[in-house]
Amino acid sequence: MKQDSNLVAAQARCEVRQPQPGDCDRIAELAGQLGYECTGEEVRERLCEMRDSNQYAVYVAELPGGLVAGWIGAYVFRSVETGSCAEISGLVIDERIRSSGIGKLLVSAVEGWARNVGCDAISVRSNVMRERARRFYTQNGYELVKTQNHGCPAKVSGGDSNPLKIIMITRGRSRNDLN
């Protein structure tokens, strides 16, 4: 029970905000926890390319004392065959405090952004091996739409490609909105 109250307290004190330049190293460190190795400088460059708030959203969750506990990124996906929808490009919470409600706060921030930019659906792709992530999304109102094999293009150096199995989880459209 004490652990539950600590988790609620962490979520209640958490501030969701847009990233600041000083957050880039921590964002990179958190990305590394999911196997996406990058540097703070690379994150800084990518964030500069994603400044258009009508196309991209990035939020961090900051705990008291300034520790960035997690981040989420999203963008507007456009295609010929469907209307615009938002897609979560990444979500990571520090492995030491996952399942504390911080992920839900970050997803809610992206859902609000998606509504504000005119999207009526939001989707996320997740490697099928990330069962915990899939449970998180379905527990938060997302529906499994499909599972598919995804082939990665050959590396520029000519290396072999390894197909990945991914899942598409979505919220909206089937319910006519993001509420």
Foldseek 3Di string as FASTA:
>chain_A
DVVLVVLQVQQVQKDKDADDLVCQQVQQVQVVVVPPHDHSVVSVVVVVVVVPLLFKGKIFIAGPVGRTFKMWIKGWDDDDPDHIAIEIPDIGGHPVNPPSCNSVVRVVVVQVSRVVSPHFKYKYKAFPVPVVVVVVVVVVAKAWDDKDWAWDDADPVRHDIDITIMTMIMHGPVPPGRD
